[in-house]
N, C-alpha and C. Protein backbone atom coordinates (compact mmCIF):
# COMPACT_ATOMS: atom_id res chain seq x y z
N UNK A 1 -21.61 26.53 48.31
CA UNK A 1 -22.13 27.38 47.25
C UNK A 1 -22.76 28.64 47.81
N UNK A 2 -23.10 28.64 49.09
CA UNK A 2 -23.76 29.80 49.69
C UNK A 2 -22.86 31.03 49.64
N UNK A 3 -21.55 30.82 49.62
CA UNK A 3 -20.64 31.96 49.57
C UNK A 3 -20.78 32.74 48.27
N UNK A 4 -21.41 32.14 47.29
CA UNK A 4 -21.55 32.81 45.99
C UNK A 4 -22.96 33.32 45.75
N UNK A 5 -23.77 33.32 46.79
CA UNK A 5 -25.11 33.88 46.64
C UNK A 5 -24.99 35.38 46.37
N UNK A 6 -25.90 35.89 45.62
CA UNK A 6 -25.89 37.31 45.28
C UNK A 6 -26.52 38.07 46.44
N UNK A 7 -25.74 38.93 47.08
CA UNK A 7 -26.25 39.69 48.23
C UNK A 7 -27.36 40.63 47.80
N UNK A 8 -28.44 40.61 48.57
CA UNK A 8 -29.56 41.50 48.32
C UNK A 8 -30.47 41.04 47.19
N UNK A 9 -30.11 39.93 46.53
CA UNK A 9 -30.94 39.43 45.43
C UNK A 9 -32.10 38.62 46.03
N UNK A 10 -33.23 38.60 45.35
CA UNK A 10 -34.34 37.79 45.83
C UNK A 10 -33.93 36.32 45.91
N UNK A 11 -34.57 35.56 46.79
CA UNK A 11 -34.22 34.15 46.96
C UNK A 11 -34.48 33.35 45.69
N UNK A 12 -35.28 33.88 44.78
CA UNK A 12 -35.56 33.15 43.55
C UNK A 12 -34.63 33.57 42.42
N UNK A 13 -33.61 34.37 42.73
CA UNK A 13 -32.65 34.81 41.71
C UNK A 13 -31.58 33.74 41.52
N UNK A 14 -30.93 33.79 40.37
CA UNK A 14 -29.80 32.91 40.10
C UNK A 14 -28.54 33.76 39.98
N UNK A 15 -27.47 33.28 40.55
CA UNK A 15 -26.18 33.95 40.40
C UNK A 15 -25.70 33.73 38.96
N UNK A 16 -24.98 34.69 38.44
CA UNK A 16 -24.45 34.56 37.08
C UNK A 16 -23.18 33.71 37.10
N UNK A 17 -22.82 33.12 35.97
CA UNK A 17 -21.56 32.38 35.91
C UNK A 17 -20.37 33.23 36.34
N UNK A 18 -20.38 34.52 36.02
CA UNK A 18 -19.28 35.41 36.40
C UNK A 18 -19.09 35.50 37.91
N UNK A 19 -20.15 35.29 38.66
CA UNK A 19 -20.03 35.41 40.11
C UNK A 19 -19.21 34.26 40.71
N UNK A 20 -18.87 33.26 39.90
CA UNK A 20 -18.06 32.13 40.36
C UNK A 20 -16.60 32.26 39.93
N UNK A 21 -16.26 33.38 39.28
CA UNK A 21 -14.91 33.58 38.73
C UNK A 21 -13.83 33.54 39.79
N UNK A 22 -14.15 33.86 41.02
CA UNK A 22 -13.14 33.87 42.08
C UNK A 22 -12.71 32.46 42.48
N UNK A 23 -13.43 31.46 42.04
CA UNK A 23 -13.04 30.06 42.31
C UNK A 23 -12.00 29.68 41.26
N UNK A 24 -10.75 29.65 41.67
CA UNK A 24 -9.66 29.45 40.70
C UNK A 24 -9.55 28.02 40.20
N UNK A 25 -9.91 27.05 41.02
CA UNK A 25 -9.89 25.65 40.58
C UNK A 25 -11.09 25.44 39.64
N UNK A 26 -10.80 25.12 38.38
CA UNK A 26 -11.85 25.03 37.37
C UNK A 26 -12.86 23.94 37.70
N UNK A 27 -12.40 22.81 38.22
CA UNK A 27 -13.33 21.73 38.59
C UNK A 27 -14.25 22.17 39.72
N UNK A 28 -13.70 22.84 40.71
CA UNK A 28 -14.51 23.34 41.82
C UNK A 28 -15.50 24.39 41.33
N UNK A 29 -15.06 25.25 40.40
CA UNK A 29 -15.96 26.26 39.82
C UNK A 29 -17.10 25.58 39.07
N UNK A 30 -16.77 24.55 38.28
CA UNK A 30 -17.80 23.84 37.53
C UNK A 30 -18.85 23.23 38.46
N UNK A 31 -18.37 22.57 39.52
CA UNK A 31 -19.29 21.96 40.49
C UNK A 31 -20.15 23.03 41.17
N UNK A 32 -19.55 24.18 41.49
CA UNK A 32 -20.30 25.27 42.14
C UNK A 32 -21.36 25.83 41.19
N UNK A 33 -21.01 25.95 39.92
CA UNK A 33 -21.98 26.44 38.93
C UNK A 33 -23.15 25.46 38.84
N UNK A 34 -22.85 24.16 38.83
CA UNK A 34 -23.95 23.19 38.79
C UNK A 34 -24.79 23.29 40.05
N UNK A 35 -24.16 23.58 41.18
CA UNK A 35 -24.92 23.77 42.41
C UNK A 35 -25.93 24.90 42.27
N UNK A 36 -25.54 25.96 41.60
CA UNK A 36 -26.48 27.07 41.36
C UNK A 36 -27.58 26.65 40.41
N UNK A 37 -27.22 25.93 39.36
CA UNK A 37 -28.22 25.41 38.41
C UNK A 37 -29.20 24.47 39.13
N UNK A 38 -28.72 23.84 40.20
CA UNK A 38 -29.59 22.96 40.98
C UNK A 38 -30.83 23.64 41.53
N UNK A 39 -30.77 24.96 41.74
CA UNK A 39 -31.96 25.69 42.17
C UNK A 39 -33.08 25.54 41.15
N UNK A 40 -32.72 25.45 39.89
CA UNK A 40 -33.69 25.24 38.81
C UNK A 40 -34.11 23.77 38.79
N UNK A 41 -33.12 22.90 38.67
CA UNK A 41 -33.38 21.47 38.48
C UNK A 41 -34.16 20.84 39.63
N UNK A 42 -34.00 21.37 40.84
CA UNK A 42 -34.69 20.80 41.99
C UNK A 42 -35.94 21.58 42.38
N UNK A 43 -36.39 22.47 41.50
CA UNK A 43 -37.63 23.18 41.78
C UNK A 43 -38.82 22.26 41.46
N UNK A 44 -39.95 22.48 42.11
CA UNK A 44 -41.12 21.66 41.81
C UNK A 44 -41.52 21.67 40.33
N UNK A 45 -41.30 22.81 39.64
CA UNK A 45 -41.66 22.86 38.22
C UNK A 45 -40.90 21.81 37.41
N UNK A 46 -39.65 21.58 37.74
CA UNK A 46 -38.86 20.57 37.03
C UNK A 46 -39.13 19.17 37.59
N UNK A 47 -39.13 19.04 38.90
CA UNK A 47 -39.28 17.72 39.50
C UNK A 47 -40.64 17.09 39.20
N UNK A 48 -41.69 17.89 39.12
CA UNK A 48 -43.01 17.33 38.84
C UNK A 48 -43.04 16.57 37.52
N UNK A 49 -42.28 17.02 36.55
CA UNK A 49 -42.28 16.39 35.23
C UNK A 49 -41.09 15.47 35.01
N UNK A 50 -40.26 15.32 36.02
CA UNK A 50 -39.12 14.40 35.99
C UNK A 50 -39.28 13.37 37.10
N UNK A 51 -40.44 12.67 37.16
CA UNK A 51 -40.62 11.70 38.24
C UNK A 51 -39.71 10.48 38.04
N UNK A 52 -39.32 9.87 39.14
CA UNK A 52 -38.52 8.65 39.04
C UNK A 52 -39.37 7.46 38.65
N UNK A 53 -40.67 7.56 38.87
CA UNK A 53 -41.59 6.51 38.46
C UNK A 53 -42.41 6.96 37.27
N UNK A 54 -43.54 6.36 37.08
CA UNK A 54 -44.38 6.66 35.93
C UNK A 54 -45.53 7.62 36.22
N UNK A 55 -45.62 8.11 37.45
CA UNK A 55 -46.70 9.03 37.81
C UNK A 55 -46.13 10.40 38.15
N UNK A 56 -46.58 11.43 37.45
CA UNK A 56 -46.09 12.77 37.77
C UNK A 56 -46.66 13.27 39.09
N UNK A 57 -46.03 14.31 39.59
CA UNK A 57 -46.57 15.01 40.75
C UNK A 57 -47.03 16.38 40.27
N UNK A 58 -47.65 17.14 41.15
CA UNK A 58 -48.16 18.44 40.74
C UNK A 58 -48.13 19.43 41.89
N UNK A 59 -48.11 20.71 41.52
CA UNK A 59 -48.15 21.78 42.50
C UNK A 59 -46.82 21.98 43.20
N UNK A 60 -46.75 23.06 43.97
CA UNK A 60 -45.54 23.35 44.71
C UNK A 60 -45.26 22.29 45.77
N UNK A 61 -46.31 21.62 46.26
CA UNK A 61 -46.14 20.57 47.27
C UNK A 61 -45.75 19.23 46.65
N UNK A 62 -45.76 19.16 45.33
CA UNK A 62 -45.39 17.95 44.60
C UNK A 62 -46.20 16.73 45.03
N UNK A 63 -47.49 16.94 45.20
CA UNK A 63 -48.36 15.82 45.57
C UNK A 63 -48.63 14.96 44.33
N UNK A 64 -49.00 13.70 44.50
CA UNK A 64 -49.30 12.85 43.34
C UNK A 64 -50.39 13.49 42.47
N UNK A 65 -50.20 13.42 41.18
CA UNK A 65 -51.13 14.03 40.22
C UNK A 65 -52.53 13.50 40.41
N UNK A 66 -53.49 14.40 40.44
CA UNK A 66 -54.92 14.06 40.49
C UNK A 66 -55.60 14.68 39.29
N UNK A 67 -56.33 13.94 38.50
CA UNK A 67 -56.62 12.52 38.65
C UNK A 67 -55.35 11.69 38.43
N UNK A 68 -55.40 10.43 38.91
CA UNK A 68 -54.23 9.57 38.74
C UNK A 68 -53.94 9.35 37.25
N UNK A 69 -52.79 9.83 36.82
CA UNK A 69 -52.36 9.64 35.43
C UNK A 69 -50.97 9.01 35.44
N UNK A 70 -50.62 8.41 34.31
CA UNK A 70 -49.35 7.70 34.21
C UNK A 70 -48.67 8.02 32.90
N UNK A 71 -47.37 7.83 32.86
CA UNK A 71 -46.49 8.22 31.77
C UNK A 71 -46.96 7.73 30.40
N UNK A 72 -47.25 6.47 30.26
CA UNK A 72 -47.54 5.92 28.94
C UNK A 72 -46.25 5.70 28.17
N UNK A 73 -46.36 5.19 26.97
CA UNK A 73 -45.20 4.83 26.16
C UNK A 73 -44.37 6.04 25.76
N UNK A 74 -45.01 7.14 25.41
CA UNK A 74 -44.30 8.31 24.88
C UNK A 74 -44.19 9.47 25.86
N UNK A 75 -44.58 9.26 27.11
CA UNK A 75 -44.52 10.33 28.10
C UNK A 75 -45.73 11.25 28.07
N UNK A 76 -46.65 10.99 27.15
CA UNK A 76 -47.84 11.82 27.00
C UNK A 76 -49.09 11.23 27.61
N UNK A 77 -48.92 10.26 28.52
CA UNK A 77 -50.06 9.65 29.18
C UNK A 77 -50.46 8.33 28.56
N UNK A 78 -51.30 7.61 29.29
CA UNK A 78 -51.84 6.36 28.76
C UNK A 78 -52.86 6.68 27.67
N UNK A 79 -53.11 5.73 26.83
CA UNK A 79 -54.02 5.96 25.71
C UNK A 79 -55.41 6.41 26.18
N UNK A 80 -55.87 5.87 27.29
CA UNK A 80 -57.19 6.24 27.81
C UNK A 80 -57.21 7.60 28.50
N UNK A 81 -56.05 8.15 28.83
CA UNK A 81 -55.99 9.43 29.53
C UNK A 81 -54.72 10.16 29.13
N UNK A 82 -54.74 10.77 27.96
CA UNK A 82 -53.60 11.52 27.45
C UNK A 82 -53.45 12.83 28.24
N UNK A 83 -52.24 13.29 28.38
CA UNK A 83 -51.99 14.56 29.08
C UNK A 83 -52.79 15.70 28.46
N UNK A 84 -52.86 15.69 27.13
CA UNK A 84 -53.54 16.77 26.42
C UNK A 84 -55.06 16.73 26.56
N UNK A 85 -55.60 15.70 27.23
CA UNK A 85 -57.03 15.70 27.52
C UNK A 85 -57.37 16.89 28.40
N UNK A 86 -56.49 17.19 29.34
CA UNK A 86 -56.70 18.32 30.25
C UNK A 86 -55.77 19.49 29.96
N UNK A 87 -54.51 19.20 29.67
CA UNK A 87 -53.50 20.24 29.46
C UNK A 87 -53.52 20.68 28.00
N UNK A 88 -54.04 21.87 27.77
CA UNK A 88 -54.18 22.39 26.42
C UNK A 88 -52.92 23.16 26.00
N UNK A 89 -53.01 23.97 24.96
CA UNK A 89 -51.86 24.65 24.38
C UNK A 89 -51.28 25.75 25.25
N UNK A 90 -52.05 26.25 26.21
CA UNK A 90 -51.55 27.30 27.10
C UNK A 90 -52.24 27.18 28.44
N UNK A 91 -51.72 27.88 29.44
CA UNK A 91 -52.33 27.88 30.77
C UNK A 91 -53.77 28.38 30.67
N UNK A 92 -54.65 27.75 31.43
CA UNK A 92 -56.02 28.23 31.57
C UNK A 92 -56.18 28.58 33.04
N UNK A 93 -55.79 29.82 33.37
CA UNK A 93 -55.71 30.23 34.76
C UNK A 93 -57.03 30.21 35.52
N UNK A 94 -58.19 30.49 34.89
CA UNK A 94 -59.43 30.40 35.68
C UNK A 94 -59.64 29.03 36.32
N UNK A 95 -59.15 27.99 35.66
CA UNK A 95 -59.28 26.64 36.22
C UNK A 95 -57.98 26.16 36.85
N UNK A 96 -56.96 27.05 36.88
CA UNK A 96 -55.64 26.70 37.41
C UNK A 96 -55.05 25.50 36.68
N UNK A 97 -55.33 25.40 35.39
CA UNK A 97 -54.85 24.28 34.58
C UNK A 97 -53.64 24.72 33.77
N UNK A 98 -52.46 24.16 34.07
CA UNK A 98 -51.28 24.53 33.28
C UNK A 98 -51.39 23.96 31.88
N UNK A 99 -50.75 24.65 30.94
CA UNK A 99 -50.79 24.16 29.58
C UNK A 99 -49.63 24.63 28.74
N UNK A 100 -49.32 23.85 27.74
CA UNK A 100 -48.29 24.11 26.75
C UNK A 100 -48.39 22.99 25.72
N UNK A 101 -48.11 23.30 24.48
CA UNK A 101 -48.07 22.25 23.46
C UNK A 101 -46.62 22.02 23.08
N UNK A 102 -46.09 20.82 23.23
CA UNK A 102 -46.73 19.65 23.81
C UNK A 102 -46.67 19.68 25.34
N UNK A 103 -47.48 18.85 25.96
CA UNK A 103 -47.43 18.68 27.41
C UNK A 103 -47.15 17.20 27.65
N UNK A 104 -46.02 16.92 28.26
CA UNK A 104 -45.65 15.52 28.49
C UNK A 104 -44.56 15.43 29.53
N UNK A 105 -44.32 14.21 29.99
CA UNK A 105 -43.28 13.97 30.99
C UNK A 105 -41.93 13.78 30.32
N UNK A 106 -40.88 14.03 31.09
CA UNK A 106 -39.54 13.70 30.62
C UNK A 106 -39.46 12.20 30.40
N UNK A 107 -38.59 11.76 29.50
CA UNK A 107 -38.43 10.31 29.32
C UNK A 107 -38.08 9.63 30.64
N UNK A 108 -38.47 8.39 30.76
CA UNK A 108 -38.27 7.62 32.00
C UNK A 108 -36.82 7.70 32.48
N UNK A 109 -35.85 7.62 31.55
CA UNK A 109 -34.45 7.64 31.95
C UNK A 109 -34.00 9.01 32.45
N UNK A 110 -34.86 10.03 32.32
CA UNK A 110 -34.55 11.36 32.84
C UNK A 110 -35.26 11.66 34.16
N UNK A 111 -35.81 10.64 34.77
CA UNK A 111 -36.47 10.83 36.07
C UNK A 111 -35.44 11.07 37.15
N UNK A 112 -35.65 12.12 37.95
CA UNK A 112 -34.69 12.38 39.02
C UNK A 112 -35.35 12.82 40.32
N UNK A 113 -36.64 12.71 40.40
CA UNK A 113 -37.29 13.01 41.67
C UNK A 113 -36.73 12.09 42.75
N UNK A 114 -36.40 12.64 43.91
CA UNK A 114 -35.87 11.84 45.01
C UNK A 114 -34.37 11.63 44.95
N UNK A 115 -33.71 12.18 43.95
CA UNK A 115 -32.26 12.04 43.84
C UNK A 115 -31.58 13.30 44.38
N UNK A 116 -30.34 13.14 44.82
CA UNK A 116 -29.56 14.29 45.28
C UNK A 116 -29.10 15.09 44.06
N UNK A 117 -28.64 16.29 44.29
CA UNK A 117 -28.15 17.11 43.20
C UNK A 117 -26.95 16.44 42.52
N UNK A 118 -26.07 15.82 43.29
CA UNK A 118 -24.93 15.11 42.71
C UNK A 118 -25.40 13.96 41.82
N UNK A 119 -26.42 13.23 42.25
CA UNK A 119 -26.96 12.13 41.44
C UNK A 119 -27.61 12.65 40.16
N UNK A 120 -28.32 13.76 40.26
CA UNK A 120 -28.92 14.37 39.07
C UNK A 120 -27.82 14.77 38.09
N UNK A 121 -26.77 15.36 38.59
CA UNK A 121 -25.66 15.80 37.75
C UNK A 121 -25.04 14.63 36.99
N UNK A 122 -24.72 13.55 37.70
CA UNK A 122 -24.14 12.37 37.06
C UNK A 122 -25.09 11.83 35.99
N UNK A 123 -26.36 11.80 36.31
CA UNK A 123 -27.37 11.33 35.37
C UNK A 123 -27.44 12.24 34.14
N UNK A 124 -27.39 13.54 34.35
CA UNK A 124 -27.47 14.48 33.22
C UNK A 124 -26.28 14.35 32.28
N UNK A 125 -25.12 13.98 32.80
CA UNK A 125 -23.92 13.85 31.95
C UNK A 125 -23.93 12.57 31.12
N UNK A 126 -24.77 11.62 31.48
CA UNK A 126 -24.76 10.29 30.86
C UNK A 126 -25.87 10.18 29.81
N UNK A 127 -25.52 10.17 28.52
CA UNK A 127 -26.55 10.09 27.47
C UNK A 127 -27.47 8.87 27.60
N UNK A 128 -26.99 7.80 28.21
CA UNK A 128 -27.84 6.62 28.41
C UNK A 128 -28.90 6.87 29.47
N UNK A 129 -28.70 7.91 30.28
CA UNK A 129 -29.64 8.21 31.37
C UNK A 129 -30.21 9.62 31.29
N UNK A 130 -30.00 10.31 30.16
CA UNK A 130 -30.52 11.67 30.03
C UNK A 130 -31.33 11.88 28.75
N UNK A 131 -31.86 10.79 28.20
CA UNK A 131 -32.65 10.91 26.99
C UNK A 131 -31.80 11.01 25.73
N UNK A 132 -30.53 10.56 25.81
CA UNK A 132 -29.65 10.58 24.65
C UNK A 132 -29.08 11.95 24.32
N UNK A 133 -29.06 12.84 25.29
CA UNK A 133 -28.64 14.22 25.04
C UNK A 133 -27.12 14.42 25.21
N UNK A 134 -26.53 15.14 24.26
CA UNK A 134 -25.15 15.59 24.38
C UNK A 134 -25.14 16.82 25.29
N UNK A 135 -23.94 17.31 25.60
CA UNK A 135 -23.86 18.54 26.39
C UNK A 135 -24.55 19.69 25.66
N UNK A 136 -24.33 19.79 24.35
CA UNK A 136 -24.98 20.85 23.57
C UNK A 136 -26.50 20.70 23.60
N UNK A 137 -26.99 19.46 23.54
CA UNK A 137 -28.44 19.22 23.63
C UNK A 137 -28.98 19.67 24.99
N UNK A 138 -28.21 19.44 26.06
CA UNK A 138 -28.65 19.87 27.39
C UNK A 138 -28.74 21.39 27.47
N UNK A 139 -27.76 22.07 26.87
CA UNK A 139 -27.81 23.54 26.85
C UNK A 139 -29.06 24.00 26.14
N UNK A 140 -29.35 23.40 24.99
CA UNK A 140 -30.55 23.78 24.24
C UNK A 140 -31.82 23.43 25.02
N UNK A 141 -31.85 22.24 25.62
CA UNK A 141 -33.04 21.81 26.35
C UNK A 141 -33.36 22.78 27.49
N UNK A 142 -32.37 23.07 28.31
CA UNK A 142 -32.60 23.96 29.45
C UNK A 142 -32.78 25.40 29.00
N UNK A 143 -32.01 25.82 28.02
CA UNK A 143 -31.98 27.23 27.64
C UNK A 143 -32.97 27.67 26.59
N UNK A 144 -33.46 26.75 25.76
CA UNK A 144 -34.29 27.17 24.63
C UNK A 144 -35.62 26.43 24.50
N UNK A 145 -35.74 25.25 25.08
CA UNK A 145 -36.96 24.45 24.92
C UNK A 145 -38.14 25.20 25.54
N UNK A 146 -39.21 25.35 24.79
CA UNK A 146 -40.34 26.14 25.29
C UNK A 146 -41.13 25.41 26.39
N UNK A 147 -41.13 24.08 26.38
CA UNK A 147 -41.80 23.38 27.48
C UNK A 147 -41.02 23.59 28.78
N UNK A 148 -39.70 23.51 28.73
CA UNK A 148 -38.88 23.83 29.90
C UNK A 148 -39.13 25.29 30.29
N UNK A 149 -39.19 26.17 29.30
CA UNK A 149 -39.43 27.59 29.55
C UNK A 149 -40.75 27.86 30.24
N UNK A 150 -41.72 26.97 30.07
CA UNK A 150 -43.01 27.12 30.76
C UNK A 150 -42.79 27.26 32.27
N UNK A 151 -41.77 26.59 32.80
CA UNK A 151 -41.52 26.62 34.24
C UNK A 151 -41.29 28.01 34.79
N UNK A 152 -40.89 28.95 33.95
CA UNK A 152 -40.70 30.33 34.39
C UNK A 152 -41.99 31.14 34.25
N UNK A 153 -43.03 30.54 33.65
CA UNK A 153 -44.33 31.21 33.45
C UNK A 153 -45.45 30.21 33.71
N UNK A 154 -45.48 29.64 34.94
CA UNK A 154 -46.38 28.52 35.18
C UNK A 154 -47.84 28.88 35.43
N UNK A 155 -48.14 30.14 35.52
CA UNK A 155 -49.54 30.52 35.72
C UNK A 155 -49.91 30.62 37.19
N UNK A 156 -51.16 30.97 37.38
CA UNK A 156 -51.72 31.27 38.69
C UNK A 156 -51.49 30.14 39.70
N UNK A 157 -51.01 30.52 40.88
CA UNK A 157 -50.92 29.59 42.01
C UNK A 157 -49.69 28.70 42.02
N UNK A 158 -48.78 28.86 41.05
CA UNK A 158 -47.59 28.03 41.01
C UNK A 158 -46.35 28.91 41.06
N UNK A 159 -45.37 28.52 41.87
CA UNK A 159 -44.13 29.27 41.99
C UNK A 159 -43.27 29.03 40.77
N UNK A 160 -42.81 30.09 40.10
CA UNK A 160 -41.94 29.89 38.94
C UNK A 160 -40.58 29.32 39.34
N UNK A 161 -39.91 28.75 38.37
CA UNK A 161 -38.53 28.31 38.54
C UNK A 161 -37.69 29.54 38.89
N UNK A 162 -36.67 29.40 39.74
CA UNK A 162 -35.82 30.55 40.06
C UNK A 162 -35.13 31.14 38.83
N UNK A 163 -34.91 32.44 38.88
CA UNK A 163 -34.19 33.14 37.82
C UNK A 163 -34.98 33.25 36.54
N UNK A 164 -34.26 33.19 35.43
CA UNK A 164 -34.88 33.21 34.09
C UNK A 164 -34.31 32.06 33.28
N UNK A 165 -34.96 31.74 32.18
CA UNK A 165 -34.45 30.69 31.32
C UNK A 165 -33.09 31.08 30.74
N UNK A 166 -32.91 32.36 30.40
CA UNK A 166 -31.63 32.83 29.87
C UNK A 166 -30.52 32.66 30.92
N UNK A 167 -30.83 32.95 32.19
CA UNK A 167 -29.83 32.77 33.25
C UNK A 167 -29.49 31.29 33.42
N UNK A 168 -30.50 30.42 33.34
CA UNK A 168 -30.25 28.98 33.46
C UNK A 168 -29.40 28.50 32.29
N UNK A 169 -29.67 29.02 31.09
CA UNK A 169 -28.86 28.64 29.92
C UNK A 169 -27.42 29.08 30.12
N UNK A 170 -27.21 30.27 30.65
CA UNK A 170 -25.85 30.74 30.91
C UNK A 170 -25.13 29.84 31.91
N UNK A 171 -25.86 29.39 32.93
CA UNK A 171 -25.26 28.50 33.93
C UNK A 171 -24.91 27.14 33.34
N UNK A 172 -25.83 26.53 32.59
CA UNK A 172 -25.54 25.21 32.04
C UNK A 172 -24.43 25.30 31.00
N UNK A 173 -24.38 26.41 30.25
CA UNK A 173 -23.30 26.62 29.28
C UNK A 173 -21.96 26.72 30.01
N UNK A 174 -21.91 27.51 31.08
CA UNK A 174 -20.68 27.67 31.85
C UNK A 174 -20.27 26.35 32.50
N UNK A 175 -21.23 25.58 32.96
CA UNK A 175 -20.95 24.26 33.55
C UNK A 175 -20.28 23.36 32.52
N UNK A 176 -20.85 23.31 31.33
CA UNK A 176 -20.27 22.50 30.26
C UNK A 176 -18.87 23.00 29.90
N UNK A 177 -18.73 24.32 29.75
CA UNK A 177 -17.44 24.90 29.35
C UNK A 177 -16.34 24.71 30.39
N UNK A 178 -16.72 24.47 31.63
CA UNK A 178 -15.73 24.25 32.69
C UNK A 178 -15.55 22.76 32.99
N UNK A 179 -16.05 21.90 32.13
CA UNK A 179 -15.80 20.48 32.27
C UNK A 179 -16.96 19.64 32.76
N UNK A 180 -18.11 20.24 33.00
CA UNK A 180 -19.31 19.50 33.46
C UNK A 180 -18.99 18.63 34.67
N UNK A 181 -18.40 19.24 35.67
CA UNK A 181 -18.03 18.53 36.91
C UNK A 181 -19.22 18.54 37.85
N UNK A 182 -19.43 17.41 38.51
CA UNK A 182 -20.55 17.29 39.44
C UNK A 182 -20.12 17.60 40.87
N UNK A 183 -21.03 18.19 41.64
CA UNK A 183 -20.73 18.43 43.06
C UNK A 183 -20.68 17.10 43.80
N UNK A 184 -20.01 17.12 44.97
CA UNK A 184 -19.94 15.89 45.81
C UNK A 184 -21.29 15.61 46.42
């Protein structure tokens, strides 16, 4: 996928779907597009809220969340310690506290921390392992969901997700339109 990096672009930029047009094999193009989308999916902003277990991580270093909190039944924390106890409707930068309404973890079946990009891809294609989402739902989730969009505006001290949400939506749309093929 490195052959399709945008020359002179910042390392946090995303290549456009058009930049993969020279890959004539549609399956190979689809897998390459997903590889570019992987820059988003494997960023700490996404991985912190997609833990494979019940405890989120935090920060660019993805350290275990402090105080120790856990998923709970609905992804919004245990009854005694709801996510919204600390995470309010918006970032509170003086305290370095991220925020958005709602604030919660991805469903357990959408956990992908510790998985390879190929494993994440296979999981994302499977509605039984992606929160019941169709391909169109995935496009909306990545491209339009405001909680996902928070990753591009995470506030003081946190590295944003690469590119923009619109660029990520274009990539996931192109991936779906080319057959949603996973990289090896």
